[in-house]
Structure formats: C-alpha cells, structure tokens
PDB file of N, CA and C in Angstrom:
ATOM      1  N   MET A   1       0.710  -1.534  -0.125  1.00  0.00           N
ATOM      2  CA  MET A   1      -0.013   0.566   0.119  1.00  0.00           C
ATOM      3  C   MET A   1       0.599   0.786  -0.295  1.00  0.00           C
ATOM      4  N   SER A   2       0.744   2.377  -1.012  1.00  0.00           N
ATOM      5  CA  SER A   2       1.499   3.510  -0.844  1.00  0.00           C
ATOM      6  C   SER A   2       0.291   4.640  -0.692  1.00  0.00           C
ATOM      7  N   VAL A   3       1.073   5.735  -0.250  1.00  0.00           N
ATOM      8  CA  VAL A   3      -0.162   6.463   0.053  1.00  0.00           C
ATOM      9  C   VAL A   3      -0.249   8.035  -0.189  1.00  0.00           C
ATOM     10  N   HIS A   4      -0.498   8.758  -0.987  1.00  0.00           N
ATOM     11  CA  HIS A   4      -0.285  10.195  -1.540  1.00  0.00           C
ATOM     12  C   HIS A   4      -0.830  11.174  -1.452  1.00  0.00           C
ATOM     13  N   ARG A   5      -1.014  12.400  -1.030  1.00  0.00           N
ATOM     14  CA  ARG A   5      -1.182  13.634  -1.126  1.00  0.00           C
ATOM     15  C   ARG A   5      -1.624  13.834  -2.179  1.00  0.00           C
ATOM     16  N   THR A   6      -2.379  14.536  -2.940  1.00  0.00           N
ATOM     17  CA  THR A   6      -2.827  15.876  -3.701  1.00  0.00           C
ATOM     18  C   THR A   6      -3.031  16.960  -3.725  1.00  0.00           C
ATOM     19  N   VAL A   7      -2.330  18.317  -4.696  1.00  0.00           N
ATOM     20  CA  VAL A   7      -2.927  19.124  -3.894  1.00  0.00           C
ATOM     21  C   VAL A   7      -3.775  19.448  -3.400  1.00  0.00           C
ATOM     22  N   SER A   8      -4.564  18.827  -4.022  1.00  0.00           N
ATOM     23  CA  SER A   8      -6.034  19.311  -3.486  1.00  0.00           C
ATOM     24  C   SER A   8      -7.071  18.688  -2.140  1.00  0.00           C
ATOM     25  N   ALA A   9      -5.984  18.885  -1.109  1.00  0.00           N
ATOM     26  CA  ALA A   9      -6.374  18.314  -0.274  1.00  0.00           C
ATOM     27  C   ALA A   9      -6.246  17.067  -0.231  1.00  0.00           C
ATOM     28  N   GLU A  10      -7.280  16.325  -0.955  1.00  0.00           N
ATOM     29  CA  GLU A  10      -7.500  14.709  -1.291  1.00  0.00           C
ATOM     30  C   GLU A  10      -5.844  13.866  -1.214  1.00  0.00           C
ATOM     31  N   VAL A  11      -6.308  11.887  -0.616  1.00  0.00           N
ATOM     32  CA  VAL A  11      -5.165  11.315  -0.687  1.00  0.00           C
ATOM     33  C   VAL A  11      -5.567  10.040  -1.388  1.00  0.00           C
ATOM     34  N   THR A  12      -4.612  10.071  -2.031  1.00  0.00           N
ATOM     35  CA  THR A  12      -4.384   8.667  -3.111  1.00  0.00           C
ATOM     36  C   THR A  12      -3.960   7.605  -2.419  1.00  0.00           C
ATOM     37  N   VAL A  13      -4.728   6.540  -2.666  1.00  0.00           N
ATOM     38  CA  VAL A  13      -4.117   5.065  -2.083  1.00  0.00           C
ATOM     39  C   VAL A  13      -3.877   4.075  -3.086  1.00  0.00           C
ATOM     40  N   GLY A  14      -3.045   3.173  -2.943  1.00  0.00           N
ATOM     41  CA  GLY A  14      -2.389   2.670  -3.970  1.00  0.00           C
ATOM     42  C   GLY A  14      -2.196   0.972  -3.308  1.00  0.00           C
ATOM     43  N   VAL A  15      -2.523   0.365  -3.930  1.00  0.00           N
ATOM     44  CA  VAL A  15      -3.064  -1.227  -2.903  1.00  0.00           C
ATOM     45  C   VAL A  15      -2.632  -2.295  -4.424  1.00  0.00           C
ATOM     46  N   PHE A  16      -1.589  -2.995  -4.349  1.00  0.00           N
ATOM     47  CA  PHE A  16      -1.510  -4.440  -5.465  1.00  0.00           C
ATOM     48  C   PHE A  16      -2.554  -5.610  -4.577  1.00  0.00           C
ATOM     49  N   THR A  17      -2.905  -6.111  -5.031  1.00  0.00           N
ATOM     50  CA  THR A  17      -3.642  -7.120  -4.900  1.00  0.00           C
ATOM     51  C   THR A  17      -3.955  -8.295  -5.706  1.00  0.00           C
ATOM     52  N   LEU A  18      -3.949  -9.341  -5.622  1.00  0.00           N
ATOM     53  CA  LEU A  18      -4.411 -10.664  -6.248  1.00  0.00           C
ATOM     54  C   LEU A  18      -6.163 -10.894  -5.846  1.00  0.00           C
ATOM     55  N   ALA A  19      -6.310 -10.992  -7.103  1.00  0.00           N
ATOM     56  CA  ALA A  19      -7.828 -11.336  -6.791  1.00  0.00           C
ATOM     57  C   ALA A  19      -8.371 -11.924  -8.398  1.00  0.00           C
ATOM     58  N   PRO A  20      -9.805 -13.399  -8.788  1.00  0.00           N
ATOM     59  CA  PRO A  20      -9.933 -13.742  -8.908  1.00  0.00           C
ATOM     60  C   PRO A  20     -10.650 -12.794 -10.465  1.00  0.00           C
ATOM     61  N   SER A  21     -10.954 -11.561 -10.466  1.00  0.00           N
ATOM     62  CA  SER A  21     -11.587 -10.570 -11.196  1.00  0.00           C
ATOM     63  C   SER A  21     -11.012  -9.277 -10.781  1.00  0.00           C
ATOM     64  N   LEU A  22     -11.563  -8.347 -11.677  1.00  0.00           N
ATOM     65  CA  LEU A  22     -11.711  -7.034 -11.817  1.00  0.00           C
ATOM     66  C   LEU A  22     -12.377  -6.332 -10.658  1.00  0.00           C
ATOM     67  N   LEU A  23     -13.513  -6.833 -10.386  1.00  0.00           N
ATOM     68  CA  LEU A  23     -14.665  -6.616  -9.603  1.00  0.00           C
ATOM     69  C   LEU A  23     -13.946  -7.110  -8.198  1.00  0.00           C
ATOM     70  N   GLU A  24     -13.537  -8.242  -8.277  1.00  0.00           N
ATOM     71  CA  GLU A  24     -13.388  -8.310  -7.077  1.00  0.00           C
ATOM     72  C   GLU A  24     -12.413  -8.175  -5.868  1.00  0.00           C
ATOM     73  N   ALA A  25     -11.017  -7.034  -7.115  1.00  0.00           N
ATOM     74  CA  ALA A  25     -10.109  -6.670  -5.988  1.00  0.00           C
ATOM     75  C   ALA A  25     -11.000  -5.531  -5.924  1.00  0.00           C
ATOM     76  N   GLU A  26     -11.301  -4.794  -6.659  1.00  0.00           N
ATOM     77  CA  GLU A  26     -11.774  -3.503  -6.255  1.00  0.00           C
ATOM     78  C   GLU A  26     -12.979  -3.326  -5.246  1.00  0.00           C
ATOM     79  N   ARG A  27     -13.554  -4.805  -5.311  1.00  0.00           N
ATOM     80  CA  ARG A  27     -14.423  -4.997  -3.929  1.00  0.00           C
ATOM     81  C   ARG A  27     -13.864  -4.517  -3.049  1.00  0.00           C
ATOM     82  N   ARG A  28     -12.821  -5.947  -2.830  1.00  0.00           N
ATOM     83  CA  ARG A  28     -11.051  -5.921  -1.217  1.00  0.00           C
ATOM     84  C   ARG A  28     -10.640  -4.919  -1.236  1.00  0.00           C
ATOM     85  N   THR A  29     -10.421  -4.062  -2.410  1.00  0.00           N
ATOM     86  CA  THR A  29      -9.684  -2.851  -1.679  1.00  0.00           C
ATOM     87  C   THR A  29     -10.682  -1.782  -0.933  1.00  0.00           C
ATOM     88  N   GLY A  30     -11.858  -1.913  -1.739  1.00  0.00           N
ATOM     89  CA  GLY A  30     -12.417  -0.181  -1.041  1.00  0.00           C
ATOM     90  C   GLY A  30     -12.676  -1.505   0.212  1.00  0.00           C
ATOM     91  N   ALA A  31     -13.203  -2.206   0.556  1.00  0.00           N
ATOM     92  CA  ALA A  31     -13.261  -2.644   1.752  1.00  0.00           C
ATOM     93  C   ALA A  31     -12.314  -2.383   2.944  1.00  0.00           C
ATOM     94  N   LEU A  32     -10.876  -3.037   2.099  1.00  0.00           N
ATOM     95  CA  LEU A  32      -9.542  -2.312   3.381  1.00  0.00           C
ATOM     96  C   LEU A  32      -9.114  -0.699   3.110  1.00  0.00           C
ATOM     97  N   VAL A  33      -9.542   0.146   2.333  1.00  0.00           N
ATOM     98  CA  VAL A  33      -9.121   1.665   2.571  1.00  0.00           C
ATOM     99  C   VAL A  33      -9.902   1.323   2.861  1.00  0.00           C
ATOM    100  N   ARG A  34     -11.930   1.153   3.797  1.00  0.00           N
ATOM    101  CA  ARG A  34     -12.302   1.986   4.636  1.00  0.00           C
ATOM    102  C   ARG A  34     -12.214   1.627   5.786  1.00  0.00           C
ATOM    103  N   ARG A  35     -12.565   0.143   5.877  1.00  0.00           N
ATOM    104  CA  ARG A  35     -12.018  -0.049   7.245  1.00  0.00           C
ATOM    105  C   ARG A  35     -10.977   0.621   8.256  1.00  0.00           C
ATOM    106  N   ALA A  36      -9.353   1.392   6.884  1.00  0.00           N
ATOM    107  CA  ALA A  36      -8.132   1.954   7.634  1.00  0.00           C
ATOM    108  C   ALA A  36      -8.846   3.553   7.657  1.00  0.00           C
ATOM    109  N   VAL A  37      -9.548   3.981   7.284  1.00  0.00           N
ATOM    110  CA  VAL A  37     -10.504   5.124   7.185  1.00  0.00           C
ATOM    111  C   VAL A  37     -11.287   5.007   8.506  1.00  0.00           C
ATOM    112  N   GLU A  38     -11.752   4.062   8.804  1.00  0.00           N
ATOM    113  CA  GLU A  38     -12.620   4.629   9.744  1.00  0.00           C
ATOM    114  C   GLU A  38     -12.072   3.907  11.024  1.00  0.00           C
ATOM    115  N   GLY A  39     -10.812   3.261  10.910  1.00  0.00           N
ATOM    116  CA  GLY A  39     -10.675   2.889  12.629  1.00  0.00           C
ATOM    117  C   GLY A  39      -9.451   3.387  13.069  1.00  0.00           C
ATOM    118  N   GLU A  40      -8.950   5.023  12.029  1.00  0.00           N
ATOM    119  CA  GLU A  40      -7.786   5.155  12.298  1.00  0.00           C
ATOM    120  C   GLU A  40      -8.193   6.606  12.197  1.00  0.00           C
ATOM    121  N   PRO A  41      -7.657   6.954  14.097  1.00  0.00           N
ATOM    122  CA  PRO A  41      -8.212   8.203  14.349  1.00  0.00           C
ATOM    123  C   PRO A  41      -7.822   9.614  14.203  1.00  0.00           C
ATOM    124  N   GLU A  42      -6.483   9.549  13.533  1.00  0.00           N
ATOM    125  CA  GLU A  42      -5.807  10.182  11.931  1.00  0.00           C
ATOM    126  C   GLU A  42      -6.717  10.570  11.170  1.00  0.00           C
ATOM    127  N   LEU A  43      -7.087   9.813  10.561  1.00  0.00           N
ATOM    128  CA  LEU A  43      -7.447   9.623   9.447  1.00  0.00           C
ATOM    129  C   LEU A  43      -9.852  10.590   9.501  1.00  0.00           C
ATOM    130  N   ALA A  44      -9.618  10.319  10.144  1.00  0.00           N
ATOM    131  CA  ALA A  44     -11.027  11.284  10.838  1.00  0.00           C
ATOM    132  C   ALA A  44     -11.268  12.734   9.805  1.00  0.00           C
ATOM    133  N   GLY A  45     -12.280  12.177   9.652  1.00  0.00           N
ATOM    134  CA  GLY A  45     -12.624  14.203   8.132  1.00  0.00           C
ATOM    135  C   GLY A  45     -12.458  13.294   6.195  1.00  0.00           C
ATOM    136  N   PHE A  46     -12.182  12.103   6.873  1.00  0.00           N
ATOM    137  CA  PHE A  46     -11.403  11.748   5.402  1.00  0.00           C
ATOM    138  C   PHE A  46     -12.806  11.081   5.307  1.00  0.00           C
ATOM    139  N   ALA A  47     -13.288  10.775   3.521  1.00  0.00           N
ATOM    140  CA  ALA A  47     -13.884   8.840   3.272  1.00  0.00           C
ATOM    141  C   ALA A  47     -12.920   8.687   2.168  1.00  0.00           C
ATOM    142  N   VAL A  48     -13.673   7.444   1.795  1.00  0.00           N
ATOM    143  CA  VAL A  48     -13.554   6.774  -0.006  1.00  0.00           C
ATOM    144  C   VAL A  48     -14.425   7.418  -0.496  1.00  0.00           C
ATOM    145  N   LEU A  49     -13.803   8.089  -1.847  1.00  0.00           N
ATOM    146  CA  LEU A  49     -14.392   8.958  -3.140  1.00  0.00           C
ATOM    147  C   LEU A  49     -14.931   7.917  -3.497  1.00  0.00           C
ATOM    148  N   SER A  50     -13.865   6.945  -4.125  1.00  0.00           N
ATOM    149  CA  SER A  50     -14.155   6.446  -5.684  1.00  0.00           C
ATOM    150  C   SER A  50     -13.069   4.626  -5.440  1.00  0.00           C
ATOM    151  N   VAL A  51     -13.373   3.764  -6.134  1.00  0.00           N
ATOM    152  CA  VAL A  51     -12.042   2.844  -5.907  1.00  0.00           C
ATOM    153  C   VAL A  51     -12.205   2.622  -7.085  1.00  0.00           C
ATOM    154  N   GLY A  52     -10.550   2.098  -7.590  1.00  0.00           N
ATOM    155  CA  GLY A  52     -10.689   2.349  -8.815  1.00  0.00           C
ATOM    156  C   GLY A  52      -9.661   1.031  -9.299  1.00  0.00           C
ATOM    157  N   ALA A  53      -9.452  -0.136 -10.399  1.00  0.00           N
ATOM    158  CA  ALA A  53      -8.215  -1.257 -10.180  1.00  0.00           C
ATOM    159  C   ALA A  53      -7.808  -0.943 -11.784  1.00  0.00           C
ATOM    160  N   ALA A  54      -6.730  -1.202 -11.646  1.00  0.00           N
ATOM    161  CA  ALA A  54      -6.302  -1.748 -13.301  1.00  0.00           C
ATOM    162  C   ALA A  54      -6.012  -3.193 -13.303  1.00  0.00           C
ATOM    163  N   LEU A  55      -6.025  -3.805 -14.482  1.00  0.00           N
ATOM    164  CA  LEU A  55      -5.614  -5.287 -14.279  1.00  0.00           C
ATOM    165  C   LEU A  55      -5.142  -5.480 -15.499  1.00  0.00           C
ATOM    166  N   VAL A  56      -3.281  -5.977 -14.731  1.00  0.00           N
ATOM    167  CA  VAL A  56      -2.172  -5.782 -14.700  1.00  0.00           C
ATOM    168  C   VAL A  56      -1.781  -7.590 -14.227  1.00  0.00           C
ATOM    169  N   PRO A  57      -2.129  -8.073 -15.970  1.00  0.00           N
ATOM    170  CA  PRO A  57      -1.216  -9.528 -16.051  1.00  0.00           C
ATOM    171  C   PRO A  57       0.075 -10.054 -15.900  1.00  0.00           C
ATOM    172  N   GLY A  58       0.893 -10.993 -15.013  1.00  0.00           N
ATOM    173  CA  GLY A  58       1.990 -11.192 -14.850  1.00  0.00           C
ATOM    174  C   GLY A  58       1.555 -12.636 -14.553  1.00  0.00           C
ATOM    175  N   PRO A  59       3.282 -13.348 -14.158  1.00  0.00           N
ATOM    176  CA  PRO A  59       3.133 -14.763 -14.162  1.00  0.00           C
ATOM    177  C   PRO A  59       2.666 -15.021 -12.216  1.00  0.00           C
ATOM    178  N   TRP A  60       1.885 -14.059 -11.319  1.00  0.00           N
ATOM    179  CA  TRP A  60       1.445 -14.631 -10.372  1.00  0.00           C
ATOM    180  C   TRP A  60       0.153 -15.594 -10.625  1.00  0.00           C
ATOM    181  N   TRP A  61      -0.556 -14.955 -11.884  1.00  0.00           N
ATOM    182  CA  TRP A  61      -2.044 -15.776 -12.452  1.00  0.00           C
ATOM    183  C   TRP A  61      -2.255 -16.957 -11.686  1.00  0.00           C
ATOM    184  N   GLY A  62      -3.199 -17.457 -11.528  1.00  0.00           N
ATOM    185  CA  GLY A  62      -3.340 -19.197 -11.104  1.00  0.00           C
ATOM    186  C   GLY A  62      -2.788 -18.515  -9.151  1.00  0.00           C
ATOM    187  N   PHE A  63      -2.658 -18.280  -8.964  1.00  0.00           N
ATOM    188  CA  PHE A  63      -2.065 -18.469  -7.105  1.00  0.00           C
ATOM    189  C   PHE A  63      -3.320 -17.888  -6.786  1.00  0.00           C
ATOM    190  N   GLU A  64      -3.745 -18.688  -5.431  1.00  0.00           N
ATOM    191  CA  GLU A  64      -4.293 -18.550  -4.722  1.00  0.00           C
ATOM    192  C   GLU A  64      -4.532 -17.734  -3.176  1.00  0.00           C
TER     193      GLU A  64
END
C-alpha cells in the first residue's frame, strides 16, 4: 500500500492485490481502505470517494 497526498488535499492510496477478477479486486480494496479510514483516528474527516483498479497480467495468475 502506498499513500500520496494531492494538491487538492485529497489522498490517493495505491494497493497491489491478487484477485480472481477486476470486480473482486475493487471490492476487496474498497473494504480494506474503508476499514483503515474508519478505524484510524488520524484519518477522521477523510472519506473514500472512489475505488478503481487496473488489471495487470503477470506470472502470478493462478495462485490463490
């Protein structure tokens, strides 16, 4: 996971995940980031606005 603050005071979070589908990757990542935001007092006031994923093929497909 990597976190980057943008000029507009928004934060971009990058996550690498293995999932059987793009939809599942987005679902898992959204759940993870929402839990992090809701559970960390220092992130009070932040909200998850959107979740998007890119499908990156690689040699790791087939490993669950």
